[in-house]
Amino acid sequence: MSVHKDLIKHAENQHKLYQEFLALDELREKYIAEAVELCKQGKPFSTDKINEVTNKMNKINLRIVPLRKNVTIEMVQEYVNSL
């Protein structure tokens, strides 16, 4: 019976971590969109907030999702130029 309880506890913990990961992923996408918009307007922007969230995401130990790459200013500029 204790194995069953341990498995339930593990599953609940994994679900909690996954929900946290999804919330961070949404925030990361928001920051990326903000950087892209500023770049389109020719205004200065930073990728610091994006990478702060990215690093938090990568610290969550979920083997089912790949690690996210840190974003550079050049990456944002290249993306905007490709539009």
PDB file of N, CA and C in Angstrom:
ATOM      1  N   MET A   1       0.814  -1.201   0.000  1.00  0.00           N
ATOM      2  CA  MET A   1       0.000   0.000   0.000  1.00  0.00           C
ATOM      3  C   MET A   1       0.856   1.263   0.000  1.00  0.00           C
ATOM      4  N   SER A   2       1.994   1.220   0.685  1.00  0.00           N
ATOM      5  CA  SER A   2       2.832   2.422   0.732  1.00  0.00           C
ATOM      6  C   SER A   2       3.429   2.737  -0.640  1.00  0.00           C
ATOM      7  N   VAL A   3       3.679   1.696  -1.442  1.00  0.00           N
ATOM      8  CA  VAL A   3       4.190   1.929  -2.793  1.00  0.00           C
ATOM      9  C   VAL A   3       3.147   2.683  -3.603  1.00  0.00           C
ATOM     10  N   HIS A   4       1.896   2.294  -3.446  1.00  0.00           N
ATOM     11  CA  HIS A   4       0.801   2.965  -4.151  1.00  0.00           C
ATOM     12  C   HIS A   4       0.729   4.436  -3.739  1.00  0.00           C
ATOM     13  N   LYS A   5       0.833   4.704  -2.459  1.00  0.00           N
ATOM     14  CA  LYS A   5       0.800   6.078  -1.971  1.00  0.00           C
ATOM     15  C   LYS A   5       1.996   6.865  -2.478  1.00  0.00           C
ATOM     16  N   ASP A   6       3.161   6.231  -2.524  1.00  0.00           N
ATOM     17  CA  ASP A   6       4.359   6.896  -3.042  1.00  0.00           C
ATOM     18  C   ASP A   6       4.197   7.259  -4.519  1.00  0.00           C
ATOM     19  N   LEU A   7       3.597   6.342  -5.273  1.00  0.00           N
ATOM     20  CA  LEU A   7       3.367   6.616  -6.694  1.00  0.00           C
ATOM     21  C   LEU A   7       2.382   7.769  -6.889  1.00  0.00           C
ATOM     22  N   ILE A   8       1.343   7.800  -6.078  1.00  0.00           N
ATOM     23  CA  ILE A   8       0.374   8.893  -6.157  1.00  0.00           C
ATOM     24  C   ILE A   8       1.046  10.216  -5.811  1.00  0.00           C
ATOM     25  N   LYS A   9       1.846  10.203  -4.758  1.00  0.00           N
ATOM     26  CA  LYS A   9       2.548  11.419  -4.349  1.00  0.00           C
ATOM     27  C   LYS A   9       3.497  11.889  -5.456  1.00  0.00           C
ATOM     28  N   HIS A  10       4.215  10.943  -6.066  1.00  0.00           N
ATOM     29  CA  HIS A  10       5.135  11.281  -7.147  1.00  0.00           C
ATOM     30  C   HIS A  10       4.376  11.879  -8.338  1.00  0.00           C
ATOM     31  N   ALA A  11       3.257  11.276  -8.700  1.00  0.00           N
ATOM     32  CA  ALA A  11       2.458  11.764  -9.820  1.00  0.00           C
ATOM     33  C   ALA A  11       1.933  13.171  -9.532  1.00  0.00           C
ATOM     34  N   GLU A  12       1.482  13.405  -8.315  1.00  0.00           N
ATOM     35  CA  GLU A  12       0.995  14.737  -7.941  1.00  0.00           C
ATOM     36  C   GLU A  12       2.109  15.768  -8.024  1.00  0.00           C
ATOM     37  N   ASN A  13       3.300  15.385  -7.576  1.00  0.00           N
ATOM     38  CA  ASN A  13       4.446  16.290  -7.633  1.00  0.00           C
ATOM     39  C   ASN A  13       4.824  16.600  -9.083  1.00  0.00           C
ATOM     40  N   GLN A  14       4.823  15.588  -9.930  1.00  0.00           N
ATOM     41  CA  GLN A  14       5.138  15.789 -11.342  1.00  0.00           C
ATOM     42  C   GLN A  14       4.109  16.708 -11.997  1.00  0.00           C
ATOM     43  N   HIS A  15       2.843  16.525 -11.644  1.00  0.00           N
ATOM     44  CA  HIS A  15       1.788  17.378 -12.198  1.00  0.00           C
ATOM     45  C   HIS A  15       1.989  18.826 -11.757  1.00  0.00           C
ATOM     46  N   LYS A  16       2.322  19.005 -10.494  1.00  0.00           N
ATOM     47  CA  LYS A  16       2.567  20.354  -9.974  1.00  0.00           C
ATOM     48  C   LYS A  16       3.732  21.011 -10.707  1.00  0.00           C
ATOM     49  N   LEU A  17       4.823  20.270 -10.902  1.00  0.00           N
ATOM     50  CA  LEU A  17       5.980  20.801 -11.614  1.00  0.00           C
ATOM     51  C   LEU A  17       5.635  21.132 -13.062  1.00  0.00           C
ATOM     52  N   TYR A  18       4.839  20.281 -13.683  1.00  0.00           N
ATOM     53  CA  TYR A  18       4.449  20.512 -15.070  1.00  0.00           C
ATOM     54  C   TYR A  18       3.596  21.772 -15.185  1.00  0.00           C
ATOM     55  N   GLN A  19       2.689  21.978 -14.252  1.00  0.00           N
ATOM     56  CA  GLN A  19       1.855  23.181 -14.268  1.00  0.00           C
ATOM     57  C   GLN A  19       2.717  24.439 -14.086  1.00  0.00           C
ATOM     58  N   GLU A  20       3.705  24.342 -13.201  1.00  0.00           N
ATOM     59  CA  GLU A  20       4.639  25.457 -13.000  1.00  0.00           C
ATOM     60  C   GLU A  20       5.411  25.735 -14.292  1.00  0.00           C
ATOM     61  N   PHE A  21       5.854  24.664 -14.950  1.00  0.00           N
ATOM     62  CA  PHE A  21       6.582  24.783 -16.205  1.00  0.00           C
ATOM     63  C   PHE A  21       5.720  25.469 -17.268  1.00  0.00           C
ATOM     64  N   LEU A  22       4.457  25.060 -17.359  1.00  0.00           N
ATOM     65  CA  LEU A  22       3.555  25.659 -18.354  1.00  0.00           C
ATOM     66  C   LEU A  22       3.346  27.148 -18.093  1.00  0.00           C
ATOM     67  N   ALA A  23       3.209  27.524 -16.836  1.00  0.00           N
ATOM     68  CA  ALA A  23       3.035  28.940 -16.496  1.00  0.00           C
ATOM     69  C   ALA A  23       4.279  29.738 -16.877  1.00  0.00           C
ATOM     70  N   LEU A  24       5.447  29.181 -16.606  1.00  0.00           N
ATOM     71  CA  LEU A  24       6.691  29.858 -16.977  1.00  0.00           C
ATOM     72  C   LEU A  24       6.837  29.944 -18.492  1.00  0.00           C
ATOM     73  N   ASP A  25       6.426  28.895 -19.200  1.00  0.00           N
ATOM     74  CA  ASP A  25       6.510  28.893 -20.660  1.00  0.00           C
ATOM     75  C   ASP A  25       5.618  29.989 -21.247  1.00  0.00           C
ATOM     76  N   GLU A  26       4.451  30.169 -20.669  1.00  0.00           N
ATOM     77  CA  GLU A  26       3.552  31.236 -21.126  1.00  0.00           C
ATOM     78  C   GLU A  26       4.178  32.612 -20.881  1.00  0.00           C
ATOM     79  N   LEU A  27       4.787  32.783 -19.722  1.00  0.00           N
ATOM     80  CA  LEU A  27       5.450  34.044 -19.395  1.00  0.00           C
ATOM     81  C   LEU A  27       6.617  34.297 -20.335  1.00  0.00           C
ATOM     82  N   ARG A  28       7.380  33.243 -20.638  1.00  0.00           N
ATOM     83  CA  ARG A  28       8.520  33.352 -21.555  1.00  0.00           C
ATOM     84  C   ARG A  28       8.053  33.821 -22.933  1.00  0.00           C
ATOM     85  N   GLU A  29       6.981  33.219 -23.424  1.00  0.00           N
ATOM     86  CA  GLU A  29       6.447  33.603 -24.732  1.00  0.00           C
ATOM     87  C   GLU A  29       5.988  35.055 -24.725  1.00  0.00           C
ATOM     88  N   LYS A  30       5.408  35.503 -23.621  1.00  0.00           N
ATOM     89  CA  LYS A  30       4.975  36.903 -23.502  1.00  0.00           C
ATOM     90  C   LYS A  30       6.181  37.828 -23.607  1.00  0.00           C
ATOM     91  N   TYR A  31       7.253  37.504 -22.888  1.00  0.00           N
ATOM     92  CA  TYR A  31       8.459  38.337 -22.930  1.00  0.00           C
ATOM     93  C   TYR A  31       9.109  38.329 -24.310  1.00  0.00           C
ATOM     94  N   ILE A  32       9.072  37.194 -24.978  1.00  0.00           N
ATOM     95  CA  ILE A  32       9.610  37.119 -26.335  1.00  0.00           C
ATOM     96  C   ILE A  32       8.794  38.022 -27.262  1.00  0.00           C
ATOM     97  N   ALA A  33       7.480  37.957 -27.152  1.00  0.00           N
ATOM     98  CA  ALA A  33       6.612  38.790 -27.999  1.00  0.00           C
ATOM     99  C   ALA A  33       6.881  40.275 -27.745  1.00  0.00           C
ATOM    100  N   GLU A  34       7.103  40.643 -26.490  1.00  0.00           N
ATOM    101  CA  GLU A  34       7.414  42.037 -26.169  1.00  0.00           C
ATOM    102  C   GLU A  34       8.734  42.465 -26.808  1.00  0.00           C
ATOM    103  N   ALA A  35       9.734  41.611 -26.737  1.00  0.00           N
ATOM    104  CA  ALA A  35      11.035  41.930 -27.327  1.00  0.00           C
ATOM    105  C   ALA A  35      10.923  42.064 -28.845  1.00  0.00           C
ATOM    106  N   VAL A  36      10.167  41.171 -29.461  1.00  0.00           N
ATOM    107  CA  VAL A  36       9.971  41.220 -30.911  1.00  0.00           C
ATOM    108  C   VAL A  36       9.279  42.525 -31.301  1.00  0.00           C
ATOM    109  N   GLU A  37       8.266  42.900 -30.556  1.00  0.00           N
ATOM    110  CA  GLU A  37       7.540  44.135 -30.871  1.00  0.00           C
ATOM    111  C   GLU A  37       8.438  45.357 -30.736  1.00  0.00           C
ATOM    112  N   LEU A  38       9.228  45.415 -29.674  1.00  0.00           N
ATOM    113  CA  LEU A  38      10.151  46.539 -29.501  1.00  0.00           C
ATOM    114  C   LEU A  38      11.175  46.580 -30.626  1.00  0.00           C
ATOM    115  N   CYS A  39      11.668  45.407 -31.012  1.00  0.00           N
ATOM    116  CA  CYS A  39      12.650  45.335 -32.093  1.00  0.00           C
ATOM    117  C   CYS A  39      12.036  45.818 -33.404  1.00  0.00           C
ATOM    118  N   LYS A  40      10.804  45.419 -33.668  1.00  0.00           N
ATOM    119  CA  LYS A  40      10.111  45.871 -34.887  1.00  0.00           C
ATOM    120  C   LYS A  40      10.007  47.389 -34.939  1.00  0.00           C
ATOM    121  N   GLN A  41       9.810  47.988 -33.764  1.00  0.00           N
ATOM    122  CA  GLN A  41       9.661  49.440 -33.678  1.00  0.00           C
ATOM    123  C   GLN A  41      11.001  50.166 -33.637  1.00  0.00           C
ATOM    124  N   GLY A  42      12.101  49.402 -33.652  1.00  0.00           N
ATOM    125  CA  GLY A  42      13.426  49.999 -33.608  1.00  0.00           C
ATOM    126  C   GLY A  42      13.793  50.544 -32.236  1.00  0.00           C
ATOM    127  N   LYS A  43      13.088  50.082 -31.220  1.00  0.00           N
ATOM    128  CA  LYS A  43      13.357  50.546 -29.861  1.00  0.00           C
ATOM    129  C   LYS A  43      14.318  49.582 -29.165  1.00  0.00           C
ATOM    130  N   PRO A  44      15.047  50.064 -28.170  1.00  0.00           N
ATOM    131  CA  PRO A  44      15.952  49.171 -27.433  1.00  0.00           C
ATOM    132  C   PRO A  44      15.160  48.124 -26.647  1.00  0.00           C
ATOM    133  N   PHE A  45      15.731  46.941 -26.550  1.00  0.00           N
ATOM    134  CA  PHE A  45      15.094  45.860 -25.803  1.00  0.00           C
ATOM    135  C   PHE A  45      16.168  44.981 -25.182  1.00  0.00           C
ATOM    136  N   SER A  46      15.728  44.170 -24.249  1.00  0.00           N
ATOM    137  CA  SER A  46      16.638  43.261 -23.554  1.00  0.00           C
ATOM    138  C   SER A  46      16.044  41.860 -23.557  1.00  0.00           C
ATOM    139  N   THR A  47      16.900  40.877 -23.461  1.00  0.00           N
ATOM    140  CA  THR A  47      16.433  39.492 -23.349  1.00  0.00           C
ATOM    141  C   THR A  47      16.613  38.974 -21.921  1.00  0.00           C
ATOM    142  N   ASP A  48      16.916  39.851 -20.987  1.00  0.00           N
ATOM    143  CA  ASP A  48      17.182  39.431 -19.609  1.00  0.00           C
ATOM    144  C   ASP A  48      15.989  38.717 -18.971  1.00  0.00           C
ATOM    145  N   LYS A  49      14.787  39.290 -19.114  1.00  0.00           N
ATOM    146  CA  LYS A  49      13.603  38.663 -18.514  1.00  0.00           C
ATOM    147  C   LYS A  49      13.313  37.312 -19.166  1.00  0.00           C
ATOM    148  N   ILE A  50      13.507  37.237 -20.466  1.00  0.00           N
ATOM    149  CA  ILE A  50      13.286  35.976 -21.186  1.00  0.00           C
ATOM    150  C   ILE A  50      14.211  34.902 -20.622  1.00  0.00           C
ATOM    151  N   ASN A  51      15.485  35.239 -20.495  1.00  0.00           N
ATOM    152  CA  ASN A  51      16.464  34.251 -20.063  1.00  0.00           C
ATOM    153  C   ASN A  51      16.340  33.910 -18.581  1.00  0.00           C
ATOM    154  N   GLU A  52      15.860  34.850 -17.779  1.00  0.00           N
ATOM    155  CA  GLU A  52      15.617  34.555 -16.371  1.00  0.00           C
ATOM    156  C   GLU A  52      14.537  33.473 -16.251  1.00  0.00           C
ATOM    157  N   VAL A  53      13.469  33.624 -17.021  1.00  0.00           N
ATOM    158  CA  VAL A  53      12.393  32.638 -17.011  1.00  0.00           C
ATOM    159  C   VAL A  53      12.883  31.324 -17.618  1.00  0.00           C
ATOM    160  N   THR A  54      13.652  31.409 -18.688  1.00  0.00           N
ATOM    161  CA  THR A  54      14.195  30.215 -19.330  1.00  0.00           C
ATOM    162  C   THR A  54      15.021  29.409 -18.342  1.00  0.00           C
ATOM    163  N   ASN A  55      15.865  30.070 -17.587  1.00  0.00           N
ATOM    164  CA  ASN A  55      16.701  29.370 -16.612  1.00  0.00           C
ATOM    165  C   ASN A  55      15.865  28.704 -15.526  1.00  0.00           C
ATOM    166  N   LYS A  56      14.783  29.356 -15.103  1.00  0.00           N
ATOM    167  CA  LYS A  56      13.881  28.739 -14.124  1.00  0.00           C
ATOM    168  C   LYS A  56      13.220  27.498 -14.712  1.00  0.00           C
ATOM    169  N   MET A  57      12.818  27.599 -15.981  1.00  0.00           N
ATOM    170  CA  MET A  57      12.186  26.455 -16.651  1.00  0.00           C
ATOM    171  C   MET A  57      13.146  25.277 -16.731  1.00  0.00           C
ATOM    172  N   ASN A  58      14.389  25.573 -17.064  1.00  0.00           N
ATOM    173  CA  ASN A  58      15.373  24.506 -17.237  1.00  0.00           C
ATOM    174  C   ASN A  58      15.774  23.852 -15.916  1.00  0.00           C
ATOM    175  N   LYS A  59      15.523  24.534 -14.802  1.00  0.00           N
ATOM    176  CA  LYS A  59      15.823  23.943 -13.495  1.00  0.00           C
ATOM    177  C   LYS A  59      14.749  22.965 -13.037  1.00  0.00           C
ATOM    178  N   ILE A  60      13.568  23.060 -13.638  1.00  0.00           N
ATOM    179  CA  ILE A  60      12.504  22.115 -13.302  1.00  0.00           C
ATOM    180  C   ILE A  60      12.864  20.779 -13.932  1.00  0.00           C
ATOM    181  N   ASN A  61      12.925  19.761 -13.137  1.00  0.00           N
ATOM    182  CA  ASN A  61      13.400  18.462 -13.610  1.00  0.00           C
ATOM    183  C   ASN A  61      12.259  17.663 -14.234  1.00  0.00           C
ATOM    184  N   LEU A  62      11.933  17.995 -15.474  1.00  0.00           N
ATOM    185  CA  LEU A  62      10.933  17.238 -16.230  1.00  0.00           C
ATOM    186  C   LEU A  62      11.637  16.631 -17.434  1.00  0.00           C
ATOM    187  N   ARG A  63      11.726  15.338 -17.451  1.00  0.00           N
ATOM    188  CA  ARG A  63      12.426  14.676 -18.552  1.00  0.00           C
ATOM    189  C   ARG A  63      11.596  14.611 -19.820  1.00  0.00           C
ATOM    190  N   ILE A  64      10.322  14.959 -19.716  1.00  0.00           N
ATOM    191  CA  ILE A  64       9.440  14.848 -20.887  1.00  0.00           C
ATOM    192  C   ILE A  64       9.477  16.080 -21.775  1.00  0.00           C
ATOM    193  N   VAL A  65      10.126  17.141 -21.317  1.00  0.00           N
ATOM    194  CA  VAL A  65      10.218  18.355 -22.126  1.00  0.00           C
ATOM    195  C   VAL A  65      11.687  18.712 -22.334  1.00  0.00           C
ATOM    196  N   PRO A  66      12.027  19.156 -23.540  1.00  0.00           N
ATOM    197  CA  PRO A  66      13.421  19.527 -23.799  1.00  0.00           C
ATOM    198  C   PRO A  66      13.783  20.841 -23.104  1.00  0.00           C
ATOM    199  N   LEU A  67      15.063  21.028 -22.865  1.00  0.00           N
ATOM    200  CA  LEU A  67      15.541  22.278 -22.295  1.00  0.00           C
ATOM    201  C   LEU A  67      15.311  23.403 -23.299  1.00  0.00           C
ATOM    202  N   ARG A  68      15.040  24.573 -22.784  1.00  0.00           N
ATOM    203  CA  ARG A  68      14.854  25.744 -23.634  1.00  0.00           C
ATOM    204  C   ARG A  68      16.182  26.486 -23.754  1.00  0.00           C
ATOM    205  N   LYS A  69      16.413  27.065 -24.925  1.00  0.00           N
ATOM    206  CA  LYS A  69      17.643  27.820 -25.153  1.00  0.00           C
ATOM    207  C   LYS A  69      17.489  29.244 -24.647  1.00  0.00           C
ATOM    208  N   ASN A  70      18.580  29.808 -24.180  1.00  0.00           N
ATOM    209  CA  ASN A  70      18.581  31.229 -23.860  1.00  0.00           C
ATOM    210  C   ASN A  70      18.499  32.006 -25.166  1.00  0.00           C
ATOM    211  N   VAL A  71      17.871  33.172 -25.103  1.00  0.00           N
ATOM    212  CA  VAL A  71      17.634  33.994 -26.283  1.00  0.00           C
ATOM    213  C   VAL A  71      18.611  35.169 -26.261  1.00  0.00           C
ATOM    214  N   THR A  72      19.202  35.439 -27.407  1.00  0.00           N
ATOM    215  CA  THR A  72      20.106  36.588 -27.531  1.00  0.00           C
ATOM    216  C   THR A  72      19.403  37.707 -28.287  1.00  0.00           C
ATOM    217  N   ILE A  73      19.936  38.889 -28.159  1.00  0.00           N
ATOM    218  CA  ILE A  73      19.410  40.036 -28.902  1.00  0.00           C
ATOM    219  C   ILE A  73      19.506  39.757 -30.403  1.00  0.00           C
ATOM    220  N   GLU A  74      20.592  39.132 -30.807  1.00  0.00           N
ATOM    221  CA  GLU A  74      20.781  38.824 -32.225  1.00  0.00           C
ATOM    222  C   GLU A  74      19.707  37.856 -32.728  1.00  0.00           C
ATOM    223  N   MET A  75      19.308  36.914 -31.897  1.00  0.00           N
ATOM    224  CA  MET A  75      18.264  35.966 -32.299  1.00  0.00           C
ATOM    225  C   MET A  75      16.952  36.696 -32.557  1.00  0.00           C
ATOM    226  N   VAL A  76      16.619  37.635 -31.691  1.00  0.00           N
ATOM    227  CA  VAL A  76      15.387  38.409 -31.865  1.00  0.00           C
ATOM    228  C   VAL A  76      15.488  39.235 -33.148  1.00  0.00           C
ATOM    229  N   GLN A  77      16.625  39.880 -33.369  1.00  0.00           N
ATOM    230  CA  GLN A  77      16.813  40.702 -34.561  1.00  0.00           C
ATOM    231  C   GLN A  77      16.724  39.851 -35.827  1.00  0.00           C
ATOM    232  N   GLU A  78      17.326  38.679 -35.812  1.00  0.00           N
ATOM    233  CA  GLU A  78      17.253  37.788 -36.975  1.00  0.00           C
ATOM    234  C   GLU A  78      15.818  37.370 -37.254  1.00  0.00           C
ATOM    235  N   TYR A  79      15.068  37.074 -36.197  1.00  0.00           N
ATOM    236  CA  TYR A  79      13.673  36.696 -36.370  1.00  0.00           C
ATOM    237  C   TYR A  79      12.875  37.848 -36.984  1.00  0.00           C
ATOM    238  N   VAL A  80      13.031  39.036 -36.450  1.00  0.00           N
ATOM    239  CA  VAL A  80      12.300  40.198 -36.948  1.00  0.00           C
ATOM    240  C   VAL A  80      12.672  40.463 -38.404  1.00  0.00           C
ATOM    241  N   ASN A  81      13.935  40.318 -38.744  1.00  0.00           N
ATOM    242  CA  ASN A  81      14.375  40.555 -40.121  1.00  0.00           C
ATOM    243  C   ASN A  81      13.805  39.507 -41.090  1.00  0.00           C
ATOM    244  N   SER A  82      13.472  38.336 -40.580  1.00  0.00           N
ATOM    245  CA  SER A  82      12.938  37.283 -41.439  1.00  0.00           C
ATOM    246  C   SER A  82      11.442  37.434 -41.705  1.00  0.00           C
ATOM    247  N   LEU A  83      10.810  38.336 -40.960  1.00  0.00           N
ATOM    248  CA  LEU A  83       9.355  38.527 -41.132  1.00  0.00           C
ATOM    249  C   LEU A  83       9.025  39.292 -42.394  1.00  0.00           C
TER     250      LEU A  83
END
